[in-house]
Amino acid sequence: EMYTNKMPQSILTYIDEKRNCEDIAMQFLISNTTGRPSIFIKGHLTDLGVFGGISTGSGHMNERSMCINDLISLYHRMPLVNSDIIVDSAANGWTSVPSTWWEYISSDLWNIDTGKVSTHTPAN
């Protein structure tokens, strides 16, 4: 409900155009609304997009970095609050270890660096 009803329209439009970063936008919204940090809830998942999903595209990590910069511009400040809180199962004694080996791999690992410099400018 917060995402649909409380998110500024300019950010909803930005996310619709990018088709990416809705998770980052939600973290910005939560921190902006509550003044509190996000909580990383660790879980076990099967990533079916590792070899063909949106995160495997060339420059995906750069685009997500640009999203953060653009969201800061749209909010006119950095609303995220630093935190080191992780929620994990009490049965898992390895709380700082990724749940699956896929989490060790950057989504841009499969891309070859072409040396191109981004000319992206933040959204207004």
Protein backbone atom coordinates (compact mmCIF):
# COMPACT_ATOMS: atom_id res chain seq x y z
CA GLU A 1 0.00 0.00 0.00
CA MET A 2 2.85 2.44 0.79
CA TYR A 3 4.46 1.89 -2.61
CA THR A 4 1.22 2.53 -4.49
CA ASN A 5 -0.28 5.29 -2.34
CA LYS A 6 2.66 7.10 -0.67
CA MET A 7 5.39 6.97 -3.30
CA PRO A 8 5.80 10.35 -5.03
CA GLN A 9 4.38 10.21 -8.57
CA SER A 10 7.69 11.39 -10.04
CA ILE A 11 9.39 8.29 -8.60
CA LEU A 12 6.64 5.92 -9.75
CA THR A 13 7.01 7.35 -13.25
CA TYR A 14 10.82 7.02 -13.07
CA ILE A 15 10.55 3.35 -12.02
CA ASP A 16 7.99 2.62 -14.74
CA GLU A 17 10.30 4.14 -17.35
CA LYS A 18 13.43 2.34 -16.08
CA ARG A 19 11.68 -0.98 -15.40
CA ASN A 20 14.23 -1.41 -12.64
CA CYS A 21 15.07 -0.26 -9.11
CA GLU A 22 11.62 -0.60 -7.55
CA ASP A 23 13.27 -2.38 -4.61
CA ILE A 24 15.67 0.53 -4.09
CA ALA A 25 12.81 3.03 -4.39
CA MET A 26 10.91 1.10 -1.70
CA GLN A 27 13.91 1.29 0.64
CA PHE A 28 14.10 5.04 0.05
CA LEU A 29 10.36 5.37 0.77
CA ILE A 30 10.54 3.36 4.00
CA SER A 31 13.52 5.31 5.34
CA ASN A 32 12.06 8.64 4.20
CA THR A 33 8.72 7.89 5.87
CA THR A 34 9.95 6.34 9.11
CA GLY A 35 13.42 7.85 9.57
CA ARG A 36 14.59 4.31 10.32
CA PRO A 37 16.95 1.99 8.45
CA SER A 38 15.95 -0.84 6.22
CA ILE A 39 16.31 -4.35 7.60
CA PHE A 40 17.97 -7.04 5.54
CA ILE A 41 15.89 -10.18 5.95
CA LYS A 42 17.98 -13.11 4.94
CA GLY A 43 16.25 -15.98 3.27
CA HIS A 44 16.86 -18.91 1.04
CA LEU A 45 15.82 -18.49 -2.54
CA THR A 46 16.22 -19.97 -5.95
CA ASP A 47 17.36 -17.34 -8.43
CA LEU A 48 15.89 -18.36 -11.75
CA GLY A 49 17.20 -15.23 -13.48
CA VAL A 50 20.93 -15.75 -13.05
CA PHE A 51 21.55 -16.61 -16.68
CA GLY A 52 18.77 -14.69 -18.39
CA GLY A 53 17.08 -12.28 -16.01
CA ILE A 54 17.11 -8.48 -15.90
CA SER A 55 20.16 -8.48 -13.63
CA THR A 56 22.28 -10.27 -16.24
CA GLY A 57 22.08 -7.45 -18.76
CA SER A 58 25.12 -5.41 -19.62
CA GLY A 59 25.55 -2.53 -17.19
CA HIS A 60 22.88 -3.65 -14.73
CA MET A 61 24.93 -2.69 -11.68
CA ASN A 62 25.81 0.69 -13.21
CA GLU A 63 22.13 1.31 -13.90
CA ARG A 64 21.26 0.53 -10.28
CA SER A 65 23.97 2.92 -9.11
CA MET A 66 22.45 5.57 -11.37
CA CYS A 67 19.04 4.81 -9.88
CA ILE A 68 20.39 5.58 -6.42
CA ASN A 69 21.81 8.90 -7.63
CA ASP A 70 18.57 9.75 -9.44
CA LEU A 71 16.44 8.86 -6.40
CA ILE A 72 18.60 11.11 -4.24
CA SER A 73 17.95 13.91 -6.75
CA LEU A 74 14.20 13.19 -6.78
CA TYR A 75 14.06 13.19 -2.95
CA HIS A 76 16.40 16.22 -2.80
CA ARG A 77 18.37 14.36 -0.12
CA MET A 78 19.65 10.91 0.88
CA PRO A 79 16.89 9.39 3.03
CA LEU A 80 18.59 6.02 3.63
CA VAL A 81 19.78 5.39 7.18
CA ASN A 82 22.89 3.30 7.81
CA SER A 83 22.32 -0.04 9.50
CA ASP A 84 23.97 -3.39 9.99
CA ILE A 85 20.79 -5.21 11.05
CA ILE A 86 20.29 -8.65 9.52
CA VAL A 87 17.35 -10.88 10.38
CA ASP A 88 18.13 -14.56 9.94
CA SER A 89 16.92 -17.90 11.19
CA ALA A 90 18.24 -18.80 14.65
CA ALA A 91 19.11 -22.18 13.17
CA ASN A 92 21.65 -20.55 10.85
CA GLY A 93 24.86 -19.84 12.73
CA TRP A 94 26.49 -18.36 9.60
CA THR A 95 24.62 -15.06 9.58
CA SER A 96 27.25 -13.20 7.57
CA VAL A 97 27.50 -15.85 4.87
CA PRO A 98 25.27 -15.67 1.76
CA SER A 99 22.35 -18.11 1.65
CA THR A 100 23.39 -19.49 -1.72
CA TRP A 101 26.60 -19.42 -3.73
CA TRP A 102 24.82 -17.21 -6.31
CA GLU A 103 24.95 -14.35 -3.80
CA TYR A 104 28.76 -14.34 -4.07
CA ILE A 105 28.55 -13.49 -7.76
CA SER A 106 28.04 -9.95 -9.04
CA SER A 107 25.34 -9.79 -11.69
CA ASP A 108 27.84 -8.01 -13.94
CA LEU A 109 30.43 -10.78 -13.60
CA TRP A 110 29.49 -12.21 -16.99
CA ASN A 111 29.89 -8.85 -18.77
CA ILE A 112 33.13 -7.74 -20.35
CA ASP A 113 34.27 -4.24 -19.41
CA THR A 114 34.43 -2.22 -22.60
CA GLY A 115 36.01 0.77 -20.92
CA LYS A 116 33.07 2.99 -21.86
CA VAL A 117 32.38 5.93 -19.57
CA SER A 118 28.77 6.58 -18.64
CA THR A 119 27.37 9.90 -19.77
CA HIS A 120 24.21 9.52 -17.66
CA THR A 121 22.78 12.62 -16.05
CA PRO A 122 20.39 12.32 -13.07
CA ALA A 123 16.68 12.80 -13.61
CA ASN A 124 15.16 16.04 -12.38
